[in-house]
C-alpha atoms as a PDB file:
ATOM      1  CA  MET A   1       6.942 -70.070  55.707  1.00  0.00           C
ATOM      2  CA  LYS A   2       6.289 -73.847  55.425  1.00  0.00           C
ATOM      3  CA  ARG A   3       3.840 -73.275  52.559  1.00  0.00           C
ATOM      4  CA  LYS A   4       6.421 -71.096  50.776  1.00  0.00           C
ATOM      5  CA  ASN A   5       9.036 -73.868  51.134  1.00  0.00           C
ATOM      6  CA  ILE A   6       6.564 -76.394  49.710  1.00  0.00           C
ATOM      7  CA  TYR A   7       5.980 -74.162  46.670  1.00  0.00           C
ATOM      8  CA  ILE A   8       9.744 -73.777  46.166  1.00  0.00           C
ATOM      9  CA  GLY A   9      10.161 -77.542  46.425  1.00  0.00           C
ATOM     10  CA  ILE A  10       7.462 -78.130  43.814  1.00  0.00           C
ATOM     11  CA  LEU A  11       9.107 -75.654  41.439  1.00  0.00           C
ATOM     12  CA  ILE A  12      12.469 -77.389  41.874  1.00  0.00           C
ATOM     13  CA  LEU A  13      10.900 -80.785  41.113  1.00  0.00           C
ATOM     14  CA  ILE A  14       9.253 -79.363  37.978  1.00  0.00           C
ATOM     15  CA  LEU A  15      12.581 -77.901  36.843  1.00  0.00           C
ATOM     16  CA  ILE A  16      14.376 -81.224  37.393  1.00  0.00           C
ATOM     17  CA  SER A  17      11.647 -83.049  35.464  1.00  0.00           C
ATOM     18  CA  LEU A  18      12.017 -80.660  32.527  1.00  0.00           C
ATOM     19  CA  ILE A  19      15.796 -81.126  32.487  1.00  0.00           C
ATOM     20  CA  LEU A  20      15.430 -84.916  32.535  1.00  0.00           C
ATOM     21  CA  LEU A  21      12.869 -84.713  29.750  1.00  0.00           C
ATOM     22  CA  PHE A  22      15.157 -82.480  27.740  1.00  0.00           C
ATOM     23  CA  ILE A  23      18.098 -84.867  27.826  1.00  0.00           C
ATOM     24  CA  ASP A  24      16.026 -88.003  27.333  1.00  0.00           C
ATOM     25  CA  LYS A  25      17.982 -90.104  24.837  1.00  0.00           C
ATOM     26  CA  ASN A  26      14.996 -91.006  22.669  1.00  0.00           C
ATOM     27  CA  ILE A  27      14.011 -87.353  22.330  1.00  0.00           C
ATOM     28  CA  TYR A  28      17.589 -86.445  21.466  1.00  0.00           C
ATOM     29  CA  LYS A  29      17.828 -89.136  18.773  1.00  0.00           C
ATOM     30  CA  GLU A  30      14.532 -88.076  17.218  1.00  0.00           C
ATOM     31  CA  TYR A  31      15.569 -84.428  17.270  1.00  0.00           C
ATOM     32  CA  SER A  32      18.970 -85.159  15.727  1.00  0.00           C
ATOM     33  CA  LYS A  33      17.325 -86.888  12.742  1.00  0.00           C
ATOM     34  CA  ASN A  34      15.765 -83.627  11.639  1.00  0.00           C
ATOM     35  CA  TYR A  35      18.325 -81.002  12.669  1.00  0.00           C
ATOM     36  CA  PHE A  36      22.043 -80.794  12.015  1.00  0.00           C
ATOM     37  CA  TYR A  37      22.672 -78.777  15.191  1.00  0.00           C
ATOM     38  CA  MET A  38      20.698 -78.727  18.389  1.00  0.00           C
ATOM     39  CA  ASP A  39      19.638 -75.163  19.129  1.00  0.00           C
ATOM     40  CA  THR A  40      19.632 -75.835  22.873  1.00  0.00           C
ATOM     41  CA  TYR A  41      22.478 -77.319  24.844  1.00  0.00           C
ATOM     42  CA  ILE A  42      23.537 -78.031  28.407  1.00  0.00           C
ATOM     43  CA  SER A  43      26.950 -76.701  29.402  1.00  0.00           C
ATOM     44  CA  ILE A  44      28.659 -78.312  32.402  1.00  0.00           C
ATOM     45  CA  LYS A  45      32.077 -77.378  33.737  1.00  0.00           C
ATOM     46  CA  ILE A  46      34.084 -80.510  34.639  1.00  0.00           C
ATOM     47  CA  ASN A  47      36.828 -80.066  37.207  1.00  0.00           C
ATOM     48  CA  SER A  48      38.572 -83.445  37.107  1.00  0.00           C
ATOM     49  CA  THR A  49      39.180 -86.612  35.101  1.00  0.00           C
ATOM     50  CA  LYS A  50      37.057 -88.523  37.612  1.00  0.00           C
ATOM     51  CA  ASN A  51      34.095 -86.270  36.907  1.00  0.00           C
ATOM     52  CA  LYS A  52      34.625 -86.757  33.169  1.00  0.00           C
ATOM     53  CA  LYS A  53      34.262 -90.546  33.616  1.00  0.00           C
ATOM     54  CA  GLU A  54      30.966 -89.970  35.405  1.00  0.00           C
ATOM     55  CA  MET A  55      29.807 -87.770  32.505  1.00  0.00           C
ATOM     56  CA  ASP A  56      30.764 -90.531  30.069  1.00  0.00           C
ATOM     57  CA  LYS A  57      28.409 -92.906  31.901  1.00  0.00           C
ATOM     58  CA  ILE A  58      25.514 -90.444  31.990  1.00  0.00           C
ATOM     59  CA  PHE A  59      25.811 -89.397  28.330  1.00  0.00           C
ATOM     60  CA  SER A  60      27.060 -92.727  26.932  1.00  0.00           C
ATOM     61  CA  ASP A  61      24.855 -92.523  23.827  1.00  0.00           C
ATOM     62  CA  ILE A  62      25.037 -88.749  23.352  1.00  0.00           C
ATOM     63  CA  ASP A  63      27.894 -86.829  21.788  1.00  0.00           C
ATOM     64  CA  TYR A  64      29.354 -84.070  23.901  1.00  0.00           C
ATOM     65  CA  ILE A  65      32.567 -82.082  23.805  1.00  0.00           C
ATOM     66  CA  TYR A  66      35.134 -82.430  26.577  1.00  0.00           C
ATOM     67  CA  ARG A  67      37.899 -79.863  26.415  1.00  0.00           C
ATOM     68  CA  THR A  68      41.276 -80.822  27.845  1.00  0.00           C
ATOM     69  CA  SER A  69      42.893 -77.529  26.834  1.00  0.00           C
ATOM     70  CA  GLU A  70      41.811 -73.906  26.707  1.00  0.00           C
ATOM     71  CA  ARG A  71      43.369 -73.737  23.238  1.00  0.00           C
ATOM     72  CA  GLU A  72      40.752 -76.027  21.782  1.00  0.00           C
ATOM     73  CA  HIS A  73      37.651 -74.432  20.300  1.00  0.00           C
ATOM     74  CA  ARG A  74      34.713 -75.315  18.097  1.00  0.00           C
ATOM     75  CA  THR A  75      34.005 -73.855  14.674  1.00  0.00           C
ATOM     76  CA  PHE A  76      30.501 -73.847  13.194  1.00  0.00           C
ATOM     77  CA  LEU A  77      29.491 -72.880   9.668  1.00  0.00           C
ATOM     78  CA  GLU A  78      26.011 -72.243   8.294  1.00  0.00           C
ATOM     79  CA  ARG A  79      24.949 -70.799   4.939  1.00  0.00           C
ATOM     80  CA  GLU A  80      22.103 -68.445   4.127  1.00  0.00           C
ATOM     81  CA  ASN A  81      20.966 -66.313   1.192  1.00  0.00           C
ATOM     82  CA  LEU A  82      22.552 -63.073   2.431  1.00  0.00           C
ATOM     83  CA  ASN A  83      24.815 -60.454   0.860  1.00  0.00           C
ATOM     84  CA  GLN A  84      27.114 -60.303   3.859  1.00  0.00           C
ATOM     85  CA  SER A  85      28.560 -63.024   6.069  1.00  0.00           C
ATOM     86  CA  LYS A  86      28.243 -62.753   9.852  1.00  0.00           C
ATOM     87  CA  LEU A  87      31.195 -63.752  12.010  1.00  0.00           C
ATOM     88  CA  VAL A  88      30.871 -64.334  15.762  1.00  0.00           C
ATOM     89  CA  MET A  89      33.810 -65.315  17.954  1.00  0.00           C
ATOM     90  CA  GLY A  90      32.932 -66.354  21.496  1.00  0.00           C
ATOM     91  CA  TYR A  91      35.369 -66.216  24.402  1.00  0.00           C
ATOM     92  CA  ASN A  92      35.201 -67.522  27.965  1.00  0.00           C
ATOM     93  CA  MET A  93      36.026 -65.057  30.725  1.00  0.00           C
ATOM     94  CA  ASN A  94      37.550 -67.174  33.471  1.00  0.00           C
ATOM     95  CA  ASP A  95      37.401 -66.202  37.139  1.00  0.00           C
ATOM     96  CA  LEU A  96      37.126 -62.429  36.806  1.00  0.00           C
ATOM     97  CA  THR A  97      36.840 -60.687  40.157  1.00  0.00           C
ATOM     98  CA  PRO A  98      33.856 -58.335  40.630  1.00  0.00           C
ATOM     99  CA  TYR A  99      36.254 -55.381  40.393  1.00  0.00           C
ATOM    100  CA  GLU A 100      37.762 -56.666  37.152  1.00  0.00           C
ATOM    101  CA  ALA A 101      34.357 -57.399  35.656  1.00  0.00           C
ATOM    102  CA  THR A 102      32.882 -54.033  36.605  1.00  0.00           C
ATOM    103  CA  TYR A 103      35.800 -51.736  35.800  1.00  0.00           C
ATOM    104  CA  ALA A 104      38.926 -53.221  34.190  1.00  0.00           C
ATOM    105  CA  LEU A 105      36.837 -55.207  31.688  1.00  0.00           C
ATOM    106  CA  GLN A 106      35.214 -52.009  30.432  1.00  0.00           C
ATOM    107  CA  VAL A 107      38.603 -50.487  29.706  1.00  0.00           C
ATOM    108  CA  TYR A 108      39.770 -53.708  28.052  1.00  0.00           C
ATOM    109  CA  LEU A 109      36.713 -53.790  25.763  1.00  0.00           C
ATOM    110  CA  TYR A 110      37.070 -50.148  24.804  1.00  0.00           C
ATOM    111  CA  ILE A 111      40.714 -50.586  23.762  1.00  0.00           C
ATOM    112  CA  LEU A 112      40.095 -53.889  21.978  1.00  0.00           C
ATOM    113  CA  GLY A 113      36.847 -53.316  20.154  1.00  0.00           C
ATOM    114  CA  LEU A 114      34.672 -50.340  21.046  1.00  0.00           C
ATOM    115  CA  GLY A 115      34.780 -47.298  18.822  1.00  0.00           C
ATOM    116  CA  PRO A 116      36.848 -46.126  15.846  1.00  0.00           C
ATOM    117  CA  ASP A 117      40.108 -45.986  17.822  1.00  0.00           C
ATOM    118  CA  SER A 118      39.958 -49.615  18.976  1.00  0.00           C
ATOM    119  CA  LYS A 119      42.463 -52.253  17.889  1.00  0.00           C
ATOM    120  CA  LEU A 120      39.888 -54.284  16.007  1.00  0.00           C
ATOM    121  CA  PHE A 121      38.497 -51.311  14.107  1.00  0.00           C
ATOM    122  CA  GLN A 122      41.889 -49.855  13.227  1.00  0.00           C
ATOM    123  CA  ASN A 123      43.732 -53.056  12.323  1.00  0.00           C
ATOM    124  CA  VAL A 124      41.028 -55.348  10.948  1.00  0.00           C
ATOM    125  CA  ARG A 125      38.720 -52.843   9.268  1.00  0.00           C
ATOM    126  CA  GLU A 126      40.754 -49.751   8.441  1.00  0.00           C
ATOM    127  CA  LYS A 127      44.214 -51.132   7.646  1.00  0.00           C
ATOM    128  CA  GLU A 128      43.291 -54.492   6.108  1.00  0.00           C
ATOM    129  CA  SER A 129      39.697 -53.772   4.944  1.00  0.00           C
ATOM    130  CA  LEU A 130      38.629 -57.281   6.017  1.00  0.00           C
ATOM    131  CA  CYS A 131      35.246 -56.354   7.450  1.00  0.00           C
ATOM    132  CA  TYR A 132      32.386 -53.882   7.180  1.00  0.00           C
ATOM    133  CA  THR A 133      31.775 -53.661  10.923  1.00  0.00           C
ATOM    134  CA  ILE A 134      33.515 -55.138  13.971  1.00  0.00           C
ATOM    135  CA  SER A 135      33.102 -54.760  17.735  1.00  0.00           C
ATOM    136  CA  ALA A 136      33.628 -56.514  21.061  1.00  0.00           C
ATOM    137  CA  THR A 137      31.016 -56.875  23.805  1.00  0.00           C
ATOM    138  CA  ALA A 138      30.840 -58.879  27.026  1.00  0.00           C
ATOM    139  CA  LYS A 139      28.254 -60.328  29.391  1.00  0.00           C
ATOM    140  CA  TYR A 140      29.713 -60.711  32.850  1.00  0.00           C
ATOM    141  CA  ALA A 141      26.642 -62.599  34.100  1.00  0.00           C
ATOM    142  CA  GLY A 142      27.275 -65.235  31.450  1.00  0.00           C
ATOM    143  CA  SER A 143      31.077 -64.991  31.733  1.00  0.00           C
ATOM    144  CA  PHE A 144      31.581 -64.592  28.013  1.00  0.00           C
ATOM    145  CA  MET A 145      32.822 -62.065  25.471  1.00  0.00           C
ATOM    146  CA  MET A 146      31.788 -61.840  21.822  1.00  0.00           C
ATOM    147  CA  ILE A 147      33.553 -60.300  18.863  1.00  0.00           C
ATOM    148  CA  THR A 148      31.139 -59.782  15.975  1.00  0.00           C
ATOM    149  CA  ALA A 149      31.914 -58.703  12.428  1.00  0.00           C
ATOM    150  CA  GLY A 150      30.292 -58.350   9.047  1.00  0.00           C
ATOM    151  CA  ILE A 151      32.649 -59.813   6.441  1.00  0.00           C
ATOM    152  CA  ASP A 152      32.919 -61.369   2.997  1.00  0.00           C
ATOM    153  CA  ALA A 153      33.192 -65.136   3.450  1.00  0.00           C
ATOM    154  CA  ILE A 154      36.372 -65.203   1.380  1.00  0.00           C
ATOM    155  CA  ASN A 155      38.065 -63.204   4.171  1.00  0.00           C
ATOM    156  CA  PHE A 156      37.050 -65.623   6.941  1.00  0.00           C
ATOM    157  CA  ASN A 157      40.478 -67.143   7.689  1.00  0.00           C
ATOM    158  CA  LYS A 158      42.342 -63.842   7.373  1.00  0.00           C
ATOM    159  CA  THR A 159      39.849 -62.126   9.681  1.00  0.00           C
ATOM    160  CA  ILE A 160      39.958 -64.661  12.501  1.00  0.00           C
ATOM    161  CA  LYS A 161      43.766 -64.775  12.300  1.00  0.00           C
ATOM    162  CA  LEU A 162      43.996 -60.998  12.663  1.00  0.00           C
ATOM    163  CA  VAL A 163      41.375 -60.908  15.435  1.00  0.00           C
ATOM    164  CA  HIS A 164      43.364 -63.541  17.341  1.00  0.00           C
ATOM    165  CA  ALA A 165      46.429 -61.343  16.922  1.00  0.00           C
ATOM    166  CA  GLN A 166      44.674 -58.306  18.427  1.00  0.00           C
ATOM    167  CA  VAL A 167      43.435 -60.318  21.418  1.00  0.00           C
ATOM    168  CA  LEU A 168      46.981 -61.620  21.931  1.00  0.00           C
ATOM    169  CA  GLU A 169      48.340 -58.060  21.749  1.00  0.00           C
ATOM    170  CA  MET A 170      46.111 -57.154  24.692  1.00  0.00           C
ATOM    171  CA  THR A 171      47.458 -60.103  26.682  1.00  0.00           C
ATOM    172  CA  LYS A 172      51.026 -58.976  25.991  1.00  0.00           C
ATOM    173  CA  GLY A 173      50.235 -55.415  27.042  1.00  0.00           C
ATOM    174  CA  ASN A 174      50.935 -53.975  23.609  1.00  0.00           C
ATOM    175  CA  PHE A 175      48.805 -50.871  24.010  1.00  0.00           C
ATOM    176  CA  LYS A 176      49.541 -47.357  25.199  1.00  0.00           C
ATOM    177  CA  GLU A 177      48.822 -45.511  28.428  1.00  0.00           C
ATOM    178  CA  SER A 178      46.994 -42.995  26.251  1.00  0.00           C
ATOM    179  CA  ASP A 179      44.633 -45.814  25.178  1.00  0.00           C
ATOM    180  CA  ILE A 180      43.730 -46.366  28.823  1.00  0.00           C
ATOM    181  CA  LYS A 181      43.210 -42.645  29.432  1.00  0.00           C
ATOM    182  CA  ASN A 182      40.938 -42.333  26.387  1.00  0.00           C
ATOM    183  CA  ALA A 183      38.956 -45.376  27.465  1.00  0.00           C
ATOM    184  CA  ILE A 184      38.496 -44.006  30.982  1.00  0.00           C
ATOM    185  CA  LEU A 185      37.377 -40.621  29.641  1.00  0.00           C
ATOM    186  CA  SER A 186      34.786 -42.284  27.428  1.00  0.00           C
ATOM    187  CA  ILE A 187      33.483 -44.517  30.222  1.00  0.00           C
ATOM    188  CA  LYS A 188      33.294 -41.593  32.654  1.00  0.00           C
ATOM    189  CA  SER A 189      31.360 -39.619  30.068  1.00  0.00           C
ATOM    190  CA  SER A 190      28.779 -42.390  29.797  1.00  0.00           C
ATOM    191  CA  TYR A 191      28.463 -42.497  33.600  1.00  0.00           C
ATOM    192  CA  GLN A 192      27.998 -38.733  33.766  1.00  0.00           C
ATOM    193  CA  GLU A 193      25.258 -38.917  31.150  1.00  0.00           C
ATOM    194  CA  LEU A 194      23.350 -41.197  33.512  1.00  0.00           C
ATOM    195  CA  LEU A 195      23.366 -38.427  36.125  1.00  0.00           C
ATOM    196  CA  GLU A 196      21.577 -36.126  33.671  1.00  0.00           C
ATOM    197  CA  ASN A 197      18.660 -38.485  33.071  1.00  0.00           C
ATOM    198  CA  PRO A 198      16.078 -38.885  35.880  1.00  0.00           C
ATOM    199  CA  TYR A 199      15.044 -42.349  34.657  1.00  0.00           C
ATOM    200  CA  SER A 200      18.684 -43.502  34.561  1.00  0.00           C
ATOM    201  CA  ILE A 201      19.248 -42.115  38.059  1.00  0.00           C
ATOM    202  CA  ILE A 202      16.326 -44.173  39.359  1.00  0.00           C
ATOM    203  CA  ASN A 203      17.648 -47.300  37.628  1.00  0.00           C
ATOM    204  CA  SER A 204      21.084 -46.671  39.075  1.00  0.00           C
ATOM    205  CA  HIS A 205      19.709 -46.417  42.617  1.00  0.00           C
ATOM    206  CA  GLU A 206      17.685 -49.602  42.077  1.00  0.00           C
ATOM    207  CA  SER A 207      20.755 -51.501  40.881  1.00  0.00           C
ATOM    208  CA  THR A 208      22.705 -50.216  43.888  1.00  0.00           C
ATOM    209  CA  PHE A 209      19.982 -51.175  46.378  1.00  0.00           C
ATOM    210  CA  TYR A 210      18.877 -54.530  44.934  1.00  0.00           C
ATOM    211  CA  LEU A 211      21.945 -55.809  43.067  1.00  0.00           C
ATOM    212  CA  GLY A 212      24.744 -54.324  45.139  1.00  0.00           C
ATOM    213  CA  PHE A 213      26.222 -52.212  42.316  1.00  0.00           C
ATOM    214  CA  ASP A 214      28.374 -49.249  43.250  1.00  0.00           C
ATOM    215  CA  PRO A 215      26.692 -45.807  43.105  1.00  0.00           C
ATOM    216  CA  ILE A 216      27.597 -43.798  40.009  1.00  0.00           C
ATOM    217  CA  GLU A 217      29.782 -41.415  41.997  1.00  0.00           C
ATOM    218  CA  GLU A 218      31.800 -44.367  43.312  1.00  0.00           C
ATOM    219  CA  ARG A 219      32.042 -45.873  39.824  1.00  0.00           C
ATOM    220  CA  LEU A 220      33.543 -42.610  38.577  1.00  0.00           C
ATOM    221  CA  ASN A 221      36.215 -42.793  41.272  1.00  0.00           C
ATOM    222  CA  LYS A 222      37.044 -46.466  40.746  1.00  0.00           C
ATOM    223  CA  ILE A 223      37.286 -46.316  36.960  1.00  0.00           C
ATOM    224  CA  GLU A 224      39.913 -43.577  37.364  1.00  0.00           C
ATOM    225  CA  LYS A 225      42.157 -46.018  39.237  1.00  0.00           C
ATOM    226  CA  ILE A 226      42.328 -48.678  36.507  1.00  0.00           C
ATOM    227  CA  THR A 227      45.935 -49.361  35.478  1.00  0.00           C
ATOM    228  CA  LYS A 228      47.600 -51.114  32.566  1.00  0.00           C
ATOM    229  CA  LYS A 229      48.347 -54.049  34.852  1.00  0.00           C
ATOM    230  CA  ASP A 230      44.617 -54.397  35.643  1.00  0.00           C
ATOM    231  CA  VAL A 231      43.744 -54.547  31.947  1.00  0.00           C
ATOM    232  CA  ILE A 232      46.454 -57.137  31.210  1.00  0.00           C
ATOM    233  CA  GLU A 233      45.210 -59.343  34.055  1.00  0.00           C
ATOM    234  CA  VAL A 234      41.736 -59.302  32.507  1.00  0.00           C
ATOM    235  CA  ALA A 235      43.178 -60.074  29.070  1.00  0.00           C
ATOM    236  CA  LYS A 236      44.927 -63.180  30.418  1.00  0.00           C
ATOM    237  CA  LYS A 237      41.592 -64.577  31.628  1.00  0.00           C
ATOM    238  CA  ILE A 238      39.848 -64.382  28.246  1.00  0.00           C
ATOM    239  CA  LYS A 239      40.096 -67.556  26.127  1.00  0.00           C
ATOM    240  CA  ILE A 240      38.608 -68.489  22.749  1.00  0.00           C
ATOM    241  CA  ASN A 241      35.708 -70.958  22.922  1.00  0.00           C
ATOM    242  CA  THR A 242      33.679 -70.935  19.691  1.00  0.00           C
ATOM    243  CA  ILE A 243      33.875 -69.476  16.186  1.00  0.00           C
ATOM    244  CA  TYR A 244      30.659 -69.218  14.168  1.00  0.00           C
ATOM    245  CA  LEU A 245      30.210 -68.065  10.582  1.00  0.00           C
ATOM    246  CA  LEU A 246      26.856 -67.457   8.917  1.00  0.00           C
ATOM    247  CA  GLU A 247      28.051 -67.435   5.326  1.00  0.00           C
ATOM    248  CA  GLY A 248      26.187 -65.212   2.882  1.00  0.00           C
ATOM    249  CA  THR A 249      25.692 -66.898  -0.499  1.00  0.00           C
ATOM    250  CA  LYS A 250      24.058 -64.143  -2.581  1.00  0.00           C
ATOM    251  CA  ASN A 251      27.361 -62.939  -4.031  1.00  0.00           C
ATOM    252  CA  GLU A 252      28.077 -66.467  -5.287  1.00  0.00           C
ATOM    253  CA  LYS A 253      24.943 -66.396  -7.433  1.00  0.00           C
ATOM    254  CA  ALA A 254      25.669 -62.991  -8.947  1.00  0.00           C
END
């Protein structure tokens, strides 16, 4: 046991050394001479003004973003020789409970941006023809949601405005009970498909045993109990963080 603790301690020291090396000011300055954006960043959640002052001391010569409001977000633009522009909108998911993240979030995503009946598909693609493809996905482990779309760059502002509107509609509860029922039916169908695949059954048992996930049978029961109130509560915890556009320039040259 002592030897194991020594090994763990060594690994921790190596990790700390790498982090210190990574944020070394000289390395940062040299890197920033050659690249407009750093492709690796350290994200730290600051809980008070006092902690912010400490961060100012540590990173006195390095630019970093301190958000005082959830409404603030960053927008990045890059250009590449592509026919189609790629839009990615990143959202923080703040303080979701395990139940919300496992069940209510799935229903929320289905109504907002999964499938041809979703708000994003119907309102952004079908009605306004602002994009070629659009969908919403989430990573609970990373506490973030992404909305991705293939668009023409000229439609950038219109698209993000309409996407914001659909996300706000979810927060206000402007969706039908039938939307929830359809979402639950679709999710249950995907769960039931797992029960028909031996490999998926094994994976499900592994996730239950090692990661503490609910068994599929229990998931089927819990997803049935999701209400409109549950979905709205999830919607209120999702806030815009970053907007990124990879602008295609091929059409400009044509």
